[in-house]
Amino acid sequence: QVQLVESGGGWVQTGGSLTVSCAASGLSIGRSSIGWFRQALGKEREFVVAINWSGTTYSEEAMKGRFTTSRDKDKNTVTLQMNSLKPEDTAVYYCVSRDHPYSSKSVDDWPYWGRGTQVTVSS
């Protein structure tokens, strides 16, 4: 059974940085694509960034340069590093996975979801 557990969310001031981690079980992150989505209050879920089988990352254009992801195959964890945060980055951040060599920006292409972690950026 695949389980994804996010940790590390919280509160940060505008311009600050925050790291969120995803601990995966029931899968090998070296043989899965792992991604991050977010959902702000009253809005639809949107793609943030993902890392595929080969380790190549793919970011949403608007977040490129501020949001990056990396993986530790020994620990089976994936990390989301968020820099230069803005109030509009406030959202619940979800870790997702799929048994496919490539990532996708579509919510429907990711069958496994964590419960999410809240990130709040104050102005």
PDB file of N, CA and C in Angstrom:
ATOM      1  N   GLN A   1       0.850  -1.181   0.000  1.00  0.00           N
ATOM      2  CA  GLN A   1       0.000   0.000   0.000  1.00  0.00           C
ATOM      3  C   GLN A   1       0.891   1.238   0.000  1.00  0.00           C
ATOM      4  N   VAL A   2       0.636   2.116  -0.942  1.00  0.00           N
ATOM      5  CA  VAL A   2       1.426   3.332  -1.065  1.00  0.00           C
ATOM      6  C   VAL A   2       0.972   4.356  -0.021  1.00  0.00           C
ATOM      7  N   GLN A   3       1.925   4.910   0.679  1.00  0.00           N
ATOM      8  CA  GLN A   3       1.635   5.990   1.622  1.00  0.00           C
ATOM      9  C   GLN A   3       2.634   7.112   1.426  1.00  0.00           C
ATOM     10  N   LEU A   4       2.117   8.314   1.423  1.00  0.00           N
ATOM     11  CA  LEU A   4       2.943   9.511   1.301  1.00  0.00           C
ATOM     12  C   LEU A   4       2.613  10.409   2.488  1.00  0.00           C
ATOM     13  N   VAL A   5       3.608  10.786   3.246  1.00  0.00           N
ATOM     14  CA  VAL A   5       3.381  11.594   4.433  1.00  0.00           C
ATOM     15  C   VAL A   5       4.242  12.847   4.357  1.00  0.00           C
ATOM     16  N   GLU A   6       3.560  13.990   4.295  1.00  0.00           N
ATOM     17  CA  GLU A   6       4.268  15.272   4.246  1.00  0.00           C
ATOM     18  C   GLU A   6       4.573  15.775   5.650  1.00  0.00           C
ATOM     19  N   SER A   7       5.651  16.520   5.772  1.00  0.00           N
ATOM     20  CA  SER A   7       5.995  17.163   7.038  1.00  0.00           C
ATOM     21  C   SER A   7       6.792  18.423   6.736  1.00  0.00           C
ATOM     22  N   GLY A   8       6.808  19.319   7.712  1.00  0.00           N
ATOM     23  CA  GLY A   8       7.645  20.507   7.575  1.00  0.00           C
ATOM     24  C   GLY A   8       6.932  21.769   7.164  1.00  0.00           C
ATOM     25  N   GLY A   9       5.631  21.718   6.959  1.00  0.00           N
ATOM     26  CA  GLY A   9       4.907  22.944   6.650  1.00  0.00           C
ATOM     27  C   GLY A   9       4.878  23.868   7.850  1.00  0.00           C
ATOM     28  N   GLY A  10       4.331  25.052   7.649  1.00  0.00           N
ATOM     29  CA  GLY A  10       4.247  25.980   8.766  1.00  0.00           C
ATOM     30  C   GLY A  10       4.058  27.400   8.290  1.00  0.00           C
ATOM     31  N   TRP A  11       4.513  28.323   9.121  1.00  0.00           N
ATOM     32  CA  TRP A  11       4.323  29.744   8.869  1.00  0.00           C
ATOM     33  C   TRP A  11       5.667  30.396   8.593  1.00  0.00           C
ATOM     34  N   VAL A  12       5.675  31.322   7.632  1.00  0.00           N
ATOM     35  CA  VAL A  12       6.909  32.036   7.302  1.00  0.00           C
ATOM     36  C   VAL A  12       6.539  33.428   6.797  1.00  0.00           C
ATOM     37  N   GLN A  13       7.426  34.356   6.963  1.00  0.00           N
ATOM     38  CA  GLN A  13       7.186  35.716   6.471  1.00  0.00           C
ATOM     39  C   GLN A  13       7.534  35.826   4.989  1.00  0.00           C
ATOM     40  N   THR A  14       6.981  36.834   4.347  1.00  0.00           N
ATOM     41  CA  THR A  14       7.259  37.087   2.933  1.00  0.00           C
ATOM     42  C   THR A  14       8.765  37.188   2.710  1.00  0.00           C
ATOM     43  N   GLY A  15       9.213  36.495   1.668  1.00  0.00           N
ATOM     44  CA  GLY A  15      10.637  36.491   1.353  1.00  0.00           C
ATOM     45  C   GLY A  15      11.409  35.372   2.010  1.00  0.00           C
ATOM     46  N   GLY A  16      10.764  34.664   2.916  1.00  0.00           N
ATOM     47  CA  GLY A  16      11.436  33.591   3.622  1.00  0.00           C
ATOM     48  C   GLY A  16      11.457  32.288   2.841  1.00  0.00           C
ATOM     49  N   SER A  17      12.021  31.272   3.481  1.00  0.00           N
ATOM     50  CA  SER A  17      12.146  29.953   2.870  1.00  0.00           C
ATOM     51  C   SER A  17      11.545  28.893   3.780  1.00  0.00           C
ATOM     52  N   LEU A  18      11.137  27.807   3.159  1.00  0.00           N
ATOM     53  CA  LEU A  18      10.550  26.704   3.916  1.00  0.00           C
ATOM     54  C   LEU A  18      10.848  25.413   3.167  1.00  0.00           C
ATOM     55  N   THR A  19      11.073  24.347   3.923  1.00  0.00           N
ATOM     56  CA  THR A  19      11.312  23.039   3.323  1.00  0.00           C
ATOM     57  C   THR A  19      10.236  22.081   3.781  1.00  0.00           C
ATOM     58  N   VAL A  20       9.654  21.382   2.824  1.00  0.00           N
ATOM     59  CA  VAL A  20       8.652  20.369   3.114  1.00  0.00           C
ATOM     60  C   VAL A  20       9.183  19.024   2.624  1.00  0.00           C
ATOM     61  N   SER A  21       8.994  18.005   3.433  1.00  0.00           N
ATOM     62  CA  SER A  21       9.468  16.668   3.068  1.00  0.00           C
ATOM     63  C   SER A  21       8.310  15.711   2.861  1.00  0.00           C
ATOM     64  N   CYS A  22       8.565  14.689   2.075  1.00  0.00           N
ATOM     65  CA  CYS A  22       7.579  13.644   1.809  1.00  0.00           C
ATOM     66  C   CYS A  22       8.245  12.299   2.031  1.00  0.00           C
ATOM     67  N   ALA A  23       7.747  11.567   3.021  1.00  0.00           N
ATOM     68  CA  ALA A  23       8.243  10.222   3.289  1.00  0.00           C
ATOM     69  C   ALA A  23       7.341   9.224   2.575  1.00  0.00           C
ATOM     70  N   ALA A  24       7.946   8.420   1.716  1.00  0.00           N
ATOM     71  CA  ALA A  24       7.170   7.466   0.920  1.00  0.00           C
ATOM     72  C   ALA A  24       7.365   6.047   1.423  1.00  0.00           C
ATOM     73  N   SER A  25       6.286   5.278   1.409  1.00  0.00           N
ATOM     74  CA  SER A  25       6.358   3.856   1.717  1.00  0.00           C
ATOM     75  C   SER A  25       5.449   3.118   0.729  1.00  0.00           C
ATOM     76  N   GLY A  26       5.776   1.844   0.519  1.00  0.00           N
ATOM     77  CA  GLY A  26       4.994   1.059  -0.433  1.00  0.00           C
ATOM     78  C   GLY A  26       5.408   1.276  -1.869  1.00  0.00           C
ATOM     79  N   LEU A  27       6.457   2.062  -2.070  1.00  0.00           N
ATOM     80  CA  LEU A  27       6.982   2.299  -3.410  1.00  0.00           C
ATOM     81  C   LEU A  27       8.446   2.687  -3.288  1.00  0.00           C
ATOM     82  N   SER A  28       9.143   2.585  -4.417  1.00  0.00           N
ATOM     83  CA  SER A  28      10.516   3.057  -4.462  1.00  0.00           C
ATOM     84  C   SER A  28      10.538   4.351  -5.259  1.00  0.00           C
ATOM     85  N   ILE A  29      11.029   5.426  -4.655  1.00  0.00           N
ATOM     86  CA  ILE A  29      10.998   6.709  -5.360  1.00  0.00           C
ATOM     87  C   ILE A  29      11.932   6.721  -6.550  1.00  0.00           C
ATOM     88  N   GLY A  30      12.859   5.749  -6.594  1.00  0.00           N
ATOM     89  CA  GLY A  30      13.726   5.655  -7.754  1.00  0.00           C
ATOM     90  C   GLY A  30      13.023   5.044  -8.950  1.00  0.00           C
ATOM     91  N   ARG A  31      11.861   4.456  -8.728  1.00  0.00           N
ATOM     92  CA  ARG A  31      11.077   3.839  -9.794  1.00  0.00           C
ATOM     93  C   ARG A  31       9.684   4.456  -9.884  1.00  0.00           C
ATOM     94  N   SER A  32       9.543   5.658  -9.343  1.00  0.00           N
ATOM     95  CA  SER A  32       8.269   6.374  -9.398  1.00  0.00           C
ATOM     96  C   SER A  32       8.543   7.828  -9.728  1.00  0.00           C
ATOM     97  N   SER A  33       7.575   8.466 -10.331  1.00  0.00           N
ATOM     98  CA  SER A  33       7.629   9.915 -10.438  1.00  0.00           C
ATOM     99  C   SER A  33       6.956  10.484  -9.200  1.00  0.00           C
ATOM    100  N   ILE A  34       7.572  11.480  -8.609  1.00  0.00           N
ATOM    101  CA  ILE A  34       7.050  12.128  -7.401  1.00  0.00           C
ATOM    102  C   ILE A  34       6.827  13.596  -7.718  1.00  0.00           C
ATOM    103  N   GLY A  35       5.684  14.105  -7.303  1.00  0.00           N
ATOM    104  CA  GLY A  35       5.381  15.503  -7.596  1.00  0.00           C
ATOM    105  C   GLY A  35       4.807  16.232  -6.402  1.00  0.00           C
ATOM    106  N   TRP A  36       4.630  17.523  -6.596  1.00  0.00           N
ATOM    107  CA  TRP A  36       4.028  18.389  -5.582  1.00  0.00           C
ATOM    108  C   TRP A  36       2.929  19.216  -6.242  1.00  0.00           C
ATOM    109  N   PHE A  37       1.787  19.234  -5.591  1.00  0.00           N
ATOM    110  CA  PHE A  37       0.686  20.103  -5.968  1.00  0.00           C
ATOM    111  C   PHE A  37       0.350  20.971  -4.767  1.00  0.00           C
ATOM    112  N   ARG A  38      -0.384  22.033  -5.028  1.00  0.00           N
ATOM    113  CA  ARG A  38      -0.855  22.860  -3.917  1.00  0.00           C
ATOM    114  C   ARG A  38      -2.278  23.292  -4.189  1.00  0.00           C
ATOM    115  N   GLN A  39      -2.966  23.615  -3.104  1.00  0.00           N
ATOM    116  CA  GLN A  39      -4.339  24.095  -3.219  1.00  0.00           C
ATOM    117  C   GLN A  39      -4.563  25.215  -2.217  1.00  0.00           C
ATOM    118  N   ALA A  40      -4.814  26.384  -2.741  1.00  0.00           N
ATOM    119  CA  ALA A  40      -5.148  27.523  -1.894  1.00  0.00           C
ATOM    120  C   ALA A  40      -6.643  27.506  -1.609  1.00  0.00           C
ATOM    121  N   LEU A  41      -7.030  28.179  -0.550  1.00  0.00           N
ATOM    122  CA  LEU A  41      -8.432  28.197  -0.134  1.00  0.00           C
ATOM    123  C   LEU A  41      -9.309  28.749  -1.249  1.00  0.00           C
ATOM    124  N   GLY A  42     -10.314  27.972  -1.647  1.00  0.00           N
ATOM    125  CA  GLY A  42     -11.243  28.421  -2.677  1.00  0.00           C
ATOM    126  C   GLY A  42     -10.748  28.262  -4.096  1.00  0.00           C
ATOM    127  N   LYS A  43      -9.582  27.654  -4.274  1.00  0.00           N
ATOM    128  CA  LYS A  43      -9.017  27.488  -5.611  1.00  0.00           C
ATOM    129  C   LYS A  43      -8.801  26.011  -5.924  1.00  0.00           C
ATOM    130  N   GLU A  44      -8.574  25.720  -7.196  1.00  0.00           N
ATOM    131  CA  GLU A  44      -8.300  24.357  -7.607  1.00  0.00           C
ATOM    132  C   GLU A  44      -6.846  23.982  -7.316  1.00  0.00           C
ATOM    133  N   ARG A  45      -6.623  22.701  -7.259  1.00  0.00           N
ATOM    134  CA  ARG A  45      -5.258  22.227  -7.057  1.00  0.00           C
ATOM    135  C   ARG A  45      -4.417  22.544  -8.292  1.00  0.00           C
ATOM    136  N   GLU A  46      -3.166  22.951  -8.052  1.00  0.00           N
ATOM    137  CA  GLU A  46      -2.291  23.286  -9.168  1.00  0.00           C
ATOM    138  C   GLU A  46      -0.932  22.621  -9.011  1.00  0.00           C
ATOM    139  N   PHE A  47      -0.361  22.300 -10.140  1.00  0.00           N
ATOM    140  CA  PHE A  47       0.940  21.647 -10.174  1.00  0.00           C
ATOM    141  C   PHE A  47       2.032  22.616  -9.748  1.00  0.00           C
ATOM    142  N   VAL A  48       3.015  22.099  -8.998  1.00  0.00           N
ATOM    143  CA  VAL A  48       4.141  22.925  -8.542  1.00  0.00           C
ATOM    144  C   VAL A  48       5.438  22.456  -9.205  1.00  0.00           C
ATOM    145  N   VAL A  49       5.831  21.240  -8.904  1.00  0.00           N
ATOM    146  CA  VAL A  49       7.101  20.714  -9.423  1.00  0.00           C
ATOM    147  C   VAL A  49       7.080  19.208  -9.272  1.00  0.00           C
ATOM    148  N   ALA A  50       7.890  18.506 -10.086  1.00  0.00           N
ATOM    149  CA  ALA A  50       7.954  17.051  -9.989  1.00  0.00           C
ATOM    150  C   ALA A  50       9.336  16.564 -10.372  1.00  0.00           C
ATOM    151  N   ILE A  51       9.629  15.341  -9.947  1.00  0.00           N
ATOM    152  CA  ILE A  51      10.892  14.693 -10.303  1.00  0.00           C
ATOM    153  C   ILE A  51      10.552  13.315 -10.845  1.00  0.00           C
ATOM    154  N   ASN A  52      11.117  12.966 -11.997  1.00  0.00           N
ATOM    155  CA  ASN A  52      10.749  11.695 -12.610  1.00  0.00           C
ATOM    156  C   ASN A  52      11.801  10.615 -12.335  1.00  0.00           C
ATOM    157  N   TRP A  53      11.632   9.468 -12.973  1.00  0.00           N
ATOM    158  CA  TRP A  53      12.502   8.314 -12.694  1.00  0.00           C
ATOM    159  C   TRP A  53      13.976   8.665 -12.836  1.00  0.00           C
ATOM    160  N   SER A  54      14.296   9.379 -13.872  1.00  0.00           N
ATOM    161  CA  SER A  54      15.714   9.651 -14.146  1.00  0.00           C
ATOM    162  C   SER A  54      16.293  10.719 -13.236  1.00  0.00           C
ATOM    163  N   GLY A  55      15.442  11.354 -12.441  1.00  0.00           N
ATOM    164  CA  GLY A  55      15.909  12.420 -11.571  1.00  0.00           C
ATOM    165  C   GLY A  55      15.743  13.800 -12.172  1.00  0.00           C
ATOM    166  N   THR A  56      15.209  13.858 -13.369  1.00  0.00           N
ATOM    167  CA  THR A  56      14.953  15.149 -14.008  1.00  0.00           C
ATOM    168  C   THR A  56      13.763  15.821 -13.339  1.00  0.00           C
ATOM    169  N   THR A  57      13.895  17.099 -13.078  1.00  0.00           N
ATOM    170  CA  THR A  57      12.800  17.830 -12.450  1.00  0.00           C
ATOM    171  C   THR A  57      12.072  18.688 -13.477  1.00  0.00           C
ATOM    172  N   TYR A  58      10.830  18.950 -13.185  1.00  0.00           N
ATOM    173  CA  TYR A  58       9.972  19.712 -14.093  1.00  0.00           C
ATOM    174  C   TYR A  58       9.126  20.643 -13.238  1.00  0.00           C
ATOM    175  N   SER A  59       9.245  21.943 -13.471  1.00  0.00           N
ATOM    176  CA  SER A  59       8.564  22.933 -12.633  1.00  0.00           C
ATOM    177  C   SER A  59       7.487  23.672 -13.408  1.00  0.00           C
ATOM    178  N   GLU A  60       6.466  24.077 -12.679  1.00  0.00           N
ATOM    179  CA  GLU A  60       5.502  24.999 -13.246  1.00  0.00           C
ATOM    180  C   GLU A  60       6.243  26.299 -13.559  1.00  0.00           C
ATOM    181  N   GLU A  61       6.000  26.838 -14.722  1.00  0.00           N
ATOM    182  CA  GLU A  61       6.782  27.978 -15.196  1.00  0.00           C
ATOM    183  C   GLU A  61       6.777  29.143 -14.207  1.00  0.00           C
ATOM    184  N   ALA A  62       5.639  29.423 -13.617  1.00  0.00           N
ATOM    185  CA  ALA A  62       5.514  30.570 -12.717  1.00  0.00           C
ATOM    186  C   ALA A  62       6.327  30.401 -11.434  1.00  0.00           C
ATOM    187  N   MET A  63       6.681  29.169 -11.111  1.00  0.00           N
ATOM    188  CA  MET A  63       7.394  28.910  -9.864  1.00  0.00           C
ATOM    189  C   MET A  63       8.850  28.527 -10.101  1.00  0.00           C
ATOM    190  N   LYS A  64       9.234  28.455 -11.356  1.00  0.00           N
ATOM    191  CA  LYS A  64      10.600  28.038 -11.667  1.00  0.00           C
ATOM    192  C   LYS A  64      11.592  29.011 -11.038  1.00  0.00           C
ATOM    193  N   GLY A  65      12.608  28.440 -10.420  1.00  0.00           N
ATOM    194  CA  GLY A  65      13.621  29.259  -9.770  1.00  0.00           C
ATOM    195  C   GLY A  65      13.364  29.485  -8.297  1.00  0.00           C
ATOM    196  N   ARG A  66      12.106  29.379  -7.880  1.00  0.00           N
ATOM    197  CA  ARG A  66      11.798  29.554  -6.453  1.00  0.00           C
ATOM    198  C   ARG A  66      11.500  28.233  -5.768  1.00  0.00           C
ATOM    199  N   PHE A  67      10.905  27.298  -6.502  1.00  0.00           N
ATOM    200  CA  PHE A  67      10.520  26.008  -5.936  1.00  0.00           C
ATOM    201  C   PHE A  67      11.328  24.911  -6.624  1.00  0.00           C
ATOM    202  N   THR A  68      12.009  24.114  -5.826  1.00  0.00           N
ATOM    203  CA  THR A  68      12.780  22.996  -6.370  1.00  0.00           C
ATOM    204  C   THR A  68      12.495  21.741  -5.561  1.00  0.00           C
ATOM    205  N   THR A  69      12.729  20.610  -6.193  1.00  0.00           N
ATOM    206  CA  THR A  69      12.525  19.342  -5.501  1.00  0.00           C
ATOM    207  C   THR A  69      13.726  18.449  -5.707  1.00  0.00           C
ATOM    208  N   SER A  70      13.973  17.598  -4.731  1.00  0.00           N
ATOM    209  CA  SER A  70      15.073  16.640  -4.825  1.00  0.00           C
ATOM    210  C   SER A  70      14.669  15.379  -4.081  1.00  0.00           C
ATOM    211  N   ARG A  71      15.416  14.320  -4.306  1.00  0.00           N
ATOM    212  CA  ARG A  71      15.054  13.051  -3.671  1.00  0.00           C
ATOM    213  C   ARG A  71      16.278  12.404  -3.023  1.00  0.00           C
ATOM    214  N   ASP A  72      16.000  11.615  -2.009  1.00  0.00           N
ATOM    215  CA  ASP A  72      17.019  10.807  -1.349  1.00  0.00           C
ATOM    216  C   ASP A  72      16.544   9.368  -1.462  1.00  0.00           C
ATOM    217  N   LYS A  73      17.120   8.634  -2.402  1.00  0.00           N
ATOM    218  CA  LYS A  73      16.650   7.272  -2.653  1.00  0.00           C
ATOM    219  C   LYS A  73      16.951   6.340  -1.494  1.00  0.00           C
ATOM    220  N   ASP A  74      18.007   6.608  -0.740  1.00  0.00           N
ATOM    221  CA  ASP A  74      18.328   5.755   0.410  1.00  0.00           C
ATOM    222  C   ASP A  74      17.266   5.897   1.499  1.00  0.00           C
ATOM    223  N   LYS A  75      16.775   7.112   1.692  1.00  0.00           N
ATOM    224  CA  LYS A  75      15.770   7.360   2.723  1.00  0.00           C
ATOM    225  C   LYS A  75      14.348   7.257   2.163  1.00  0.00           C
ATOM    226  N   ASN A  76      14.243   7.135   0.843  1.00  0.00           N
ATOM    227  CA  ASN A  76      12.937   7.083   0.172  1.00  0.00           C
ATOM    228  C   ASN A  76      12.106   8.331   0.506  1.00  0.00           C
ATOM    229  N   THR A  77      12.761   9.478   0.464  1.00  0.00           N
ATOM    230  CA  THR A  77      12.083  10.734   0.754  1.00  0.00           C
ATOM    231  C   THR A  77      12.326  11.740  -0.370  1.00  0.00           C
ATOM    232  N   VAL A  78      11.399  12.653  -0.498  1.00  0.00           N
ATOM    233  CA  VAL A  78      11.494  13.730  -1.475  1.00  0.00           C
ATOM    234  C   VAL A  78      11.295  15.047  -0.734  1.00  0.00           C
ATOM    235  N   THR A  79      12.046  16.039  -1.128  1.00  0.00           N
ATOM    236  CA  THR A  79      12.008  17.332  -0.456  1.00  0.00           C
ATOM    237  C   THR A  79      11.576  18.429  -1.423  1.00  0.00           C
ATOM    238  N   LEU A  80      10.741  19.325  -0.931  1.00  0.00           N
ATOM    239  CA  LEU A  80      10.341  20.516  -1.674  1.00  0.00           C
ATOM    240  C   LEU A  80      10.963  21.721  -0.986  1.00  0.00           C
ATOM    241  N   GLN A  81      11.823  22.413  -1.682  1.00  0.00           N
ATOM    242  CA  GLN A  81      12.459  23.611  -1.151  1.00  0.00           C
ATOM    243  C   GLN A  81      11.780  24.822  -1.759  1.00  0.00           C
ATOM    244  N   MET A  82      11.276  25.700  -0.895  1.00  0.00           N
ATOM    245  CA  MET A  82      10.548  26.883  -1.355  1.00  0.00           C
ATOM    246  C   MET A  82      11.280  28.129  -0.884  1.00  0.00           C
ATOM    247  N   ASN A  83      11.651  28.981  -1.808  1.00  0.00           N
ATOM    248  CA  ASN A  83      12.391  30.196  -1.502  1.00  0.00           C
ATOM    249  C   ASN A  83      11.628  31.430  -1.969  1.00  0.00           C
ATOM    250  N   SER A  84      12.005  32.564  -1.431  1.00  0.00           N
ATOM    251  CA  SER A  84      11.388  33.853  -1.804  1.00  0.00           C
ATOM    252  C   SER A  84       9.870  33.749  -1.780  1.00  0.00           C
ATOM    253  N   LEU A  85       9.363  33.247  -0.688  1.00  0.00           N
ATOM    254  CA  LEU A  85       7.929  32.980  -0.589  1.00  0.00           C
ATOM    255  C   LEU A  85       7.106  34.260  -0.558  1.00  0.00           C
ATOM    256  N   LYS A  86       5.906  34.155  -1.127  1.00  0.00           N
ATOM    257  CA  LYS A  86       4.985  35.280  -1.219  1.00  0.00           C
ATOM    258  C   LYS A  86       3.658  34.888  -0.565  1.00  0.00           C
ATOM    259  N   PRO A  87       2.864  35.859  -0.158  1.00  0.00           N
ATOM    260  CA  PRO A  87       1.562  35.517   0.447  1.00  0.00           C
ATOM    261  C   PRO A  87       0.701  34.629  -0.469  1.00  0.00           C
ATOM    262  N   GLU A  88       0.812  34.807  -1.769  1.00  0.00           N
ATOM    263  CA  GLU A  88       0.013  33.991  -2.691  1.00  0.00           C
ATOM    264  C   GLU A  88       0.487  32.546  -2.787  1.00  0.00           C
ATOM    265  N   ASP A  89       1.596  32.224  -2.136  1.00  0.00           N
ATOM    266  CA  ASP A  89       2.049  30.838  -2.041  1.00  0.00           C
ATOM    267  C   ASP A  89       1.370  30.094  -0.901  1.00  0.00           C
ATOM    268  N   THR A  90       0.586  30.804  -0.109  1.00  0.00           N
ATOM    269  CA  THR A  90      -0.150  30.172   0.986  1.00  0.00           C
ATOM    270  C   THR A  90      -1.111  29.133   0.435  1.00  0.00           C
ATOM    271  N   ALA A  91      -0.983  27.895   0.915  1.00  0.00           N
ATOM    272  CA  ALA A  91      -1.786  26.789   0.395  1.00  0.00           C
ATOM    273  C   ALA A  91      -1.480  25.524   1.187  1.00  0.00           C
ATOM    274  N   VAL A  92      -2.270  24.498   0.929  1.00  0.00           N
ATOM    275  CA  VAL A  92      -1.933  23.156   1.393  1.00  0.00           C
ATOM    276  C   VAL A  92      -1.104  22.513   0.288  1.00  0.00           C
ATOM    277  N   TYR A  93       0.046  21.969   0.666  1.00  0.00           N
ATOM    278  CA  TYR A  93       0.951  21.364  -0.299  1.00  0.00           C
ATOM    279  C   TYR A  93       0.877  19.841  -0.179  1.00  0.00           C
ATOM    280  N   TYR A  94       0.679  19.211  -1.326  1.00  0.00           N
ATOM    281  CA  TYR A  94       0.498  17.765  -1.381  1.00  0.00           C
ATOM    282  C   TYR A  94       1.652  17.086  -2.111  1.00  0.00           C
ATOM    283  N   CYS A  95       2.079  15.986  -1.578  1.00  0.00           N
ATOM    284  CA  CYS A  95       3.038  15.099  -2.239  1.00  0.00           C
ATOM    285  C   CYS A  95       2.229  14.053  -3.009  1.00  0.00           C
ATOM    286  N   VAL A  96       2.636  13.783  -4.243  1.00  0.00           N
ATOM    287  CA  VAL A  96       1.912  12.828  -5.073  1.00  0.00           C
ATOM    288  C   VAL A  96       2.896  11.890  -5.763  1.00  0.00           C
ATOM    289  N   SER A  97       2.406  10.728  -6.176  1.00  0.00           N
ATOM    290  CA  SER A  97       3.273   9.796  -6.888  1.00  0.00           C
ATOM    291  C   SER A  97       2.497   9.044  -7.966  1.00  0.00           C
ATOM    292  N   ARG A  98       3.248   8.533  -8.928  1.00  0.00           N
ATOM    293  CA  ARG A  98       2.662   7.709  -9.983  1.00  0.00           C
ATOM    294  C   ARG A  98       3.715   6.724 -10.478  1.00  0.00           C
ATOM    295  N   ASP A  99       3.263   5.551 -10.887  1.00  0.00           N
ATOM    296  CA  ASP A  99       4.156   4.506 -11.395  1.00  0.00           C
ATOM    297  C   ASP A  99       4.381   4.738 -12.879  1.00  0.00           C
ATOM    298  N   HIS A 100       5.115   5.778 -13.180  1.00  0.00           N
ATOM    299  CA  HIS A 100       5.344   6.174 -14.565  1.00  0.00           C
ATOM    300  C   HIS A 100       6.689   6.888 -14.626  1.00  0.00           C
ATOM    301  N   PRO A 101       7.429   6.678 -15.703  1.00  0.00           N
ATOM    302  CA  PRO A 101       8.754   7.304 -15.760  1.00  0.00           C
ATOM    303  C   PRO A 101       8.737   8.819 -15.902  1.00  0.00           C
ATOM    304  N   TYR A 102       7.595   9.367 -16.340  1.00  0.00           N
ATOM    305  CA  TYR A 102       7.531  10.814 -16.528  1.00  0.00           C
ATOM    306  C   TYR A 102       6.450  11.443 -15.667  1.00  0.00           C
ATOM    307  N   SER A 103       6.676  12.715 -15.330  1.00  0.00           N
ATOM    308  CA  SER A 103       5.725  13.438 -14.508  1.00  0.00           C
ATOM    309  C   SER A 103       4.628  14.030 -15.395  1.00  0.00           C
ATOM    310  N   SER A 104       3.648  14.647 -14.733  1.00  0.00           N
ATOM    311  CA  SER A 104       2.524  15.246 -15.450  1.00  0.00           C
ATOM    312  C   SER A 104       2.019  16.442 -14.655  1.00  0.00           C
ATOM    313  N   LYS A 105       1.470  17.432 -15.339  1.00  0.00           N
ATOM    314  CA  LYS A 105       0.903  18.588 -14.668  1.00  0.00           C
ATOM    315  C   LYS A 105      -0.567  18.391 -14.325  1.00  0.00           C
ATOM    316  N   SER A 106      -1.127  17.276 -14.763  1.00  0.00           N
ATOM    317  CA  SER A 106      -2.548  17.037 -14.552  1.00  0.00           C
ATOM    318  C   SER A 106      -2.810  16.329 -13.235  1.00  0.00           C
ATOM    319  N   VAL A 107      -3.755  16.858 -12.472  1.00  0.00           N
ATOM    320  CA  VAL A 107      -4.156  16.246 -11.203  1.00  0.00           C
ATOM    321  C   VAL A 107      -4.589  14.803 -11.411  1.00  0.00           C
ATOM    322  N   ASP A 108      -5.285  14.539 -12.497  1.00  0.00           N
ATOM    323  CA  ASP A 108      -5.872  13.220 -12.739  1.00  0.00           C
ATOM    324  C   ASP A 108      -4.836  12.138 -13.038  1.00  0.00           C
ATOM    325  N   ASP A 109      -3.608  12.529 -13.347  1.00  0.00           N
ATOM    326  CA  ASP A 109      -2.569  11.558 -13.691  1.00  0.00           C
ATOM    327  C   ASP A 109      -1.807  11.039 -12.484  1.00  0.00           C
ATOM    328  N   TRP A 110      -2.160  11.509 -11.286  1.00  0.00           N
ATOM    329  CA  TRP A 110      -1.441  11.114 -10.067  1.00  0.00           C
ATOM    330  C   TRP A 110      -2.392  10.346  -9.149  1.00  0.00           C
ATOM    331  N   PRO A 111      -2.231   9.031  -9.057  1.00  0.00           N
ATOM    332  CA  PRO A 111      -3.178   8.233  -8.269  1.00  0.00           C
ATOM    333  C   PRO A 111      -2.946   8.263  -6.757  1.00  0.00           C
ATOM    334  N   TYR A 112      -1.719   8.585  -6.341  1.00  0.00           N
ATOM    335  CA  TYR A 112      -1.408   8.533  -4.908  1.00  0.00           C
ATOM    336  C   TYR A 112      -1.138   9.935  -4.367  1.00  0.00           C
ATOM    337  N   TRP A 113      -1.815  10.242  -3.265  1.00  0.00           N
ATOM    338  CA  TRP A 113      -1.725  11.572  -2.664  1.00  0.00           C
ATOM    339  C   TRP A 113      -1.481  11.463  -1.170  1.00  0.00           C
ATOM    340  N   GLY A 114      -0.637  12.348  -0.651  1.00  0.00           N
ATOM    341  CA  GLY A 114      -0.531  12.498   0.782  1.00  0.00           C
ATOM    342  C   GLY A 114      -1.687  13.338   1.292  1.00  0.00           C
ATOM    343  N   ARG A 115      -1.730  13.535   2.599  1.00  0.00           N
ATOM    344  CA  ARG A 115      -2.821  14.318   3.202  1.00  0.00           C
ATOM    345  C   ARG A 115      -2.584  15.813   3.096  1.00  0.00           C
ATOM    346  N   GLY A 116      -1.362  16.195   2.817  1.00  0.00           N
ATOM    347  CA  GLY A 116      -1.051  17.600   2.647  1.00  0.00           C
ATOM    348  C   GLY A 116      -0.539  18.247   3.916  1.00  0.00           C
ATOM    349  N   THR A 117       0.172  19.342   3.726  1.00  0.00           N
ATOM    350  CA  THR A 117       0.673  20.133   4.851  1.00  0.00           C
ATOM    351  C   THR A 117       0.469  21.605   4.544  1.00  0.00           C
ATOM    352  N   GLN A 118       0.035  22.354   5.553  1.00  0.00           N
ATOM    353  CA  GLN A 118      -0.288  23.767   5.361  1.00  0.00           C
ATOM    354  C   GLN A 118       0.974  24.627   5.367  1.00  0.00           C
ATOM    355  N   VAL A 119       1.062  25.498   4.372  1.00  0.00           N
ATOM    356  CA  VAL A 119       2.119  26.507   4.323  1.00  0.00           C
ATOM    357  C   VAL A 119       1.441  27.870   4.303  1.00  0.00           C
ATOM    358  N   THR A 120       1.805  28.720   5.249  1.00  0.00           N
ATOM    359  CA  THR A 120       1.215  30.043   5.345  1.00  0.00           C
ATOM    360  C   THR A 120       2.317  31.089   5.265  1.00  0.00           C
ATOM    361  N   VAL A 121       2.169  32.025   4.330  1.00  0.00           N
ATOM    362  CA  VAL A 121       3.144  33.094   4.150  1.00  0.00           C
ATOM    363  C   VAL A 121       2.469  34.410   4.513  1.00  0.00           C
ATOM    364  N   SER A 122       3.007  35.087   5.513  1.00  0.00           N
ATOM    365  CA  SER A 122       2.392  36.341   5.956  1.00  0.00           C
ATOM    366  C   SER A 122       3.105  37.533   5.327  1.00  0.00           C
ATOM    367  N   SER A 123       2.337  38.576   5.109  1.00  0.00           N
ATOM    368  CA  SER A 123       2.907  39.785   4.488  1.00  0.00           C
ATOM    369  C   SER A 123       3.481  40.718   5.530  1.00  0.00           C
TER     370      SER A 123
END
